[in-house]
PDB file of N, CA and C in Angstrom:
ATOM      1  N   MET A   1       0.820  -1.203   0.000  1.00  0.00           N
ATOM      2  CA  MET A   1       0.000   0.000   0.000  1.00  0.00           C
ATOM      3  C   MET A   1       0.853   1.251   0.000  1.00  0.00           C
ATOM      4  N   GLN A   2       2.091   1.146   0.359  1.00  0.00           N
ATOM      5  CA  GLN A   2       2.989   2.299   0.424  1.00  0.00           C
ATOM      6  C   GLN A   2       2.378   3.421   1.256  1.00  0.00           C
ATOM      7  N   THR A   3       2.092   3.114   2.503  1.00  0.00           N
ATOM      8  CA  THR A   3       1.445   4.082   3.385  1.00  0.00           C
ATOM      9  C   THR A   3       2.208   4.196   4.694  1.00  0.00           C
ATOM     10  N   SER A   4       2.005   5.275   5.376  1.00  0.00           N
ATOM     11  CA  SER A   4       2.693   5.511   6.642  1.00  0.00           C
ATOM     12  C   SER A   4       1.972   4.814   7.784  1.00  0.00           C
ATOM     13  N   ARG A   5       2.666   4.701   8.894  1.00  0.00           N
ATOM     14  CA  ARG A   5       2.059   4.084  10.080  1.00  0.00           C
ATOM     15  C   ARG A   5       0.868   4.913  10.559  1.00  0.00           C
ATOM     16  N   SER A   6       0.968   6.231  10.496  1.00  0.00           N
ATOM     17  CA  SER A   6      -0.145   7.072  10.948  1.00  0.00           C
ATOM     18  C   SER A   6      -1.369   6.893  10.047  1.00  0.00           C
ATOM     19  N   ALA A   7      -1.159   6.721   8.746  1.00  0.00           N
ATOM     20  CA  ALA A   7      -2.284   6.485   7.837  1.00  0.00           C
ATOM     21  C   ALA A   7      -2.929   5.135   8.124  1.00  0.00           C
ATOM     22  N   LEU A   8      -2.118   4.140   8.421  1.00  0.00           N
ATOM     23  CA  LEU A   8      -2.653   2.825   8.773  1.00  0.00           C
ATOM     24  C   LEU A   8      -3.437   2.897  10.073  1.00  0.00           C
ATOM     25  N   ASP A   9      -2.929   3.639  11.045  1.00  0.00           N
ATOM     26  CA  ASP A   9      -3.649   3.810  12.313  1.00  0.00           C
ATOM     27  C   ASP A   9      -5.011   4.468  12.092  1.00  0.00           C
ATOM     28  N   ARG A  10      -5.064   5.474  11.212  1.00  0.00           N
ATOM     29  CA  ARG A  10      -6.341   6.131  10.904  1.00  0.00           C
ATOM     30  C   ARG A  10      -7.308   5.150  10.246  1.00  0.00           C
ATOM     31  N   LEU A  11      -6.794   4.321   9.344  1.00  0.00           N
ATOM     32  CA  LEU A  11      -7.635   3.349   8.655  1.00  0.00           C
ATOM     33  C   LEU A  11      -8.234   2.341   9.628  1.00  0.00           C
ATOM     34  N   LEU A  12      -7.460   1.915  10.609  1.00  0.00           N
ATOM     35  CA  LEU A  12      -7.910   0.888  11.547  1.00  0.00           C
ATOM     36  C   LEU A  12      -8.664   1.442  12.746  1.00  0.00           C
ATOM     37  N   ASN A  13      -8.758   2.752  12.855  1.00  0.00           N
ATOM     38  CA  ASN A  13      -9.432   3.386  13.983  1.00  0.00           C
ATOM     39  C   ASN A  13     -10.951   3.365  13.766  1.00  0.00           C
ATOM     40  N   PRO A  14     -11.691   2.606  14.579  1.00  0.00           N
ATOM     41  CA  PRO A  14     -13.144   2.533  14.388  1.00  0.00           C
ATOM     42  C   PRO A  14     -13.861   3.857  14.657  1.00  0.00           C
ATOM     43  N   ALA A  15     -13.206   4.788  15.326  1.00  0.00           N
ATOM     44  CA  ALA A  15     -13.819   6.083  15.613  1.00  0.00           C
ATOM     45  C   ALA A  15     -13.608   7.087  14.477  1.00  0.00           C
ATOM     46  N   ASN A  16     -12.890   6.693  13.437  1.00  0.00           N
ATOM     47  CA  ASN A  16     -12.608   7.590  12.322  1.00  0.00           C
ATOM     48  C   ASN A  16     -13.679   7.429  11.242  1.00  0.00           C
ATOM     49  N   PRO A  17     -14.568   8.412  11.091  1.00  0.00           N
ATOM     50  CA  PRO A  17     -15.647   8.300  10.108  1.00  0.00           C
ATOM     51  C   PRO A  17     -15.233   8.684   8.687  1.00  0.00           C
ATOM     52  N   SER A  18     -14.003   9.123   8.482  1.00  0.00           N
ATOM     53  CA  SER A  18     -13.609   9.635   7.172  1.00  0.00           C
ATOM     54  C   SER A  18     -12.958   8.588   6.269  1.00  0.00           C
ATOM     55  N   VAL A  19     -12.956   7.332   6.674  1.00  0.00           N
ATOM     56  CA  VAL A  19     -12.405   6.283   5.825  1.00  0.00           C
ATOM     57  C   VAL A  19     -13.375   6.037   4.671  1.00  0.00           C
ATOM     58  N   THR A  20     -12.863   6.068   3.454  1.00  0.00           N
ATOM     59  CA  THR A  20     -13.724   5.900   2.285  1.00  0.00           C
ATOM     60  C   THR A  20     -13.797   4.434   1.862  1.00  0.00           C
ATOM     61  N   LEU A  21     -14.790   4.121   1.062  1.00  0.00           N
ATOM     62  CA  LEU A  21     -14.905   2.771   0.516  1.00  0.00           C
ATOM     63  C   LEU A  21     -13.702   2.447  -0.363  1.00  0.00           C
ATOM     64  N   GLN A  22     -13.221   3.434  -1.081  1.00  0.00           N
ATOM     65  CA  GLN A  22     -12.052   3.223  -1.934  1.00  0.00           C
ATOM     66  C   GLN A  22     -10.833   2.867  -1.084  1.00  0.00           C
ATOM     67  N   THR A  23     -10.654   3.536   0.036  1.00  0.00           N
ATOM     68  CA  THR A  23      -9.536   3.239   0.923  1.00  0.00           C
ATOM     69  C   THR A  23      -9.644   1.830   1.482  1.00  0.00           C
ATOM     70  N   MET A  24     -10.837   1.453   1.900  1.00  0.00           N
ATOM     71  CA  MET A  24     -11.033   0.101   2.433  1.00  0.00           C
ATOM     72  C   MET A  24     -10.810  -0.949   1.351  1.00  0.00           C
ATOM     73  N   ASP A  25     -11.226  -0.658   0.110  1.00  0.00           N
ATOM     74  CA  ASP A  25     -11.013  -1.586  -0.993  1.00  0.00           C
ATOM     75  C   ASP A  25      -9.523  -1.752  -1.278  1.00  0.00           C
ATOM     76  N   ARG A  26      -8.785  -0.667  -1.281  1.00  0.00           N
ATOM     77  CA  ARG A  26      -7.342  -0.739  -1.517  1.00  0.00           C
ATOM     78  C   ARG A  26      -6.638  -1.517  -0.418  1.00  0.00           C
ATOM     79  N   ALA A  27      -7.070  -1.326   0.823  1.00  0.00           N
ATOM     80  CA  ALA A  27      -6.478  -2.063   1.938  1.00  0.00           C
ATOM     81  C   ALA A  27      -6.770  -3.556   1.804  1.00  0.00           C
ATOM     82  N   ALA A  28      -7.993  -3.899   1.439  1.00  0.00           N
ATOM     83  CA  ALA A  28      -8.359  -5.307   1.264  1.00  0.00           C
ATOM     84  C   ALA A  28      -7.534  -5.940   0.150  1.00  0.00           C
ATOM     85  N   ARG A  29      -7.392  -5.248  -0.954  1.00  0.00           N
ATOM     86  CA  ARG A  29      -6.607  -5.773  -2.075  1.00  0.00           C
ATOM     87  C   ARG A  29      -5.146  -5.945  -1.697  1.00  0.00           C
ATOM     88  N   ALA A  30      -4.613  -5.030  -0.898  1.00  0.00           N
ATOM     89  CA  ALA A  30      -3.222  -5.142  -0.453  1.00  0.00           C
ATOM     90  C   ALA A  30      -3.018  -6.381   0.408  1.00  0.00           C
ATOM     91  N   LEU A  31      -4.087  -6.828   1.064  1.00  0.00           N
ATOM     92  CA  LEU A  31      -4.028  -8.026   1.904  1.00  0.00           C
ATOM     93  C   LEU A  31      -4.463  -9.280   1.148  1.00  0.00           C
ATOM     94  N   GLY A  32      -4.750  -9.131  -0.148  1.00  0.00           N
ATOM     95  CA  GLY A  32      -5.184 -10.269  -0.941  1.00  0.00           C
ATOM     96  C   GLY A  32      -6.624 -10.663  -0.682  1.00  0.00           C
ATOM     97  N   LYS A  33      -7.421  -9.720  -0.222  1.00  0.00           N
ATOM     98  CA  LYS A  33      -8.827  -9.978   0.105  1.00  0.00           C
ATOM     99  C   LYS A  33      -9.731  -9.143  -0.783  1.00  0.00           C
ATOM    100  N   LYS A  34     -11.023  -9.429  -0.721  1.00  0.00           N
ATOM    101  CA  LYS A  34     -12.033  -8.638  -1.417  1.00  0.00           C
ATOM    102  C   LYS A  34     -12.893  -7.939  -0.386  1.00  0.00           C
ATOM    103  N   LEU A  35     -13.275  -6.722  -0.696  1.00  0.00           N
ATOM    104  CA  LEU A  35     -14.187  -5.975   0.166  1.00  0.00           C
ATOM    105  C   LEU A  35     -15.608  -6.279  -0.283  1.00  0.00           C
ATOM    106  N   ARG A  36     -16.432  -6.722   0.649  1.00  0.00           N
ATOM    107  CA  ARG A  36     -17.838  -7.003   0.342  1.00  0.00           C
ATOM    108  C   ARG A  36     -18.699  -6.242   1.336  1.00  0.00           C
ATOM    109  N   ILE A  37     -19.599  -5.438   0.799  1.00  0.00           N
ATOM    110  CA  ILE A  37     -20.517  -4.665   1.628  1.00  0.00           C
ATOM    111  C   ILE A  37     -21.921  -5.115   1.277  1.00  0.00           C
ATOM    112  N   GLU A  38     -22.671  -5.459   2.293  1.00  0.00           N
ATOM    113  CA  GLU A  38     -24.007  -5.998   2.070  1.00  0.00           C
ATOM    114  C   GLU A  38     -25.021  -5.210   2.882  1.00  0.00           C
ATOM    115  N   LEU A  39     -26.063  -4.759   2.219  1.00  0.00           N
ATOM    116  CA  LEU A  39     -27.170  -4.090   2.883  1.00  0.00           C
ATOM    117  C   LEU A  39     -28.363  -5.031   2.829  1.00  0.00           C
ATOM    118  N   THR A  40     -28.908  -5.341   3.988  1.00  0.00           N
ATOM    119  CA  THR A  40     -30.047  -6.264   4.009  1.00  0.00           C
ATOM    120  C   THR A  40     -31.229  -5.633   4.700  1.00  0.00           C
TER     121      THR A  40
END
């Protein structure tokens, strides 16, 4: 992901409302995962 430790901390902080879907998708891809969001 080529990101700093502070950026990673912001991404993993559940109190941070400014994380975008694009950011979460990029993080998932960097970990070899897929982001799936389901509204039921």
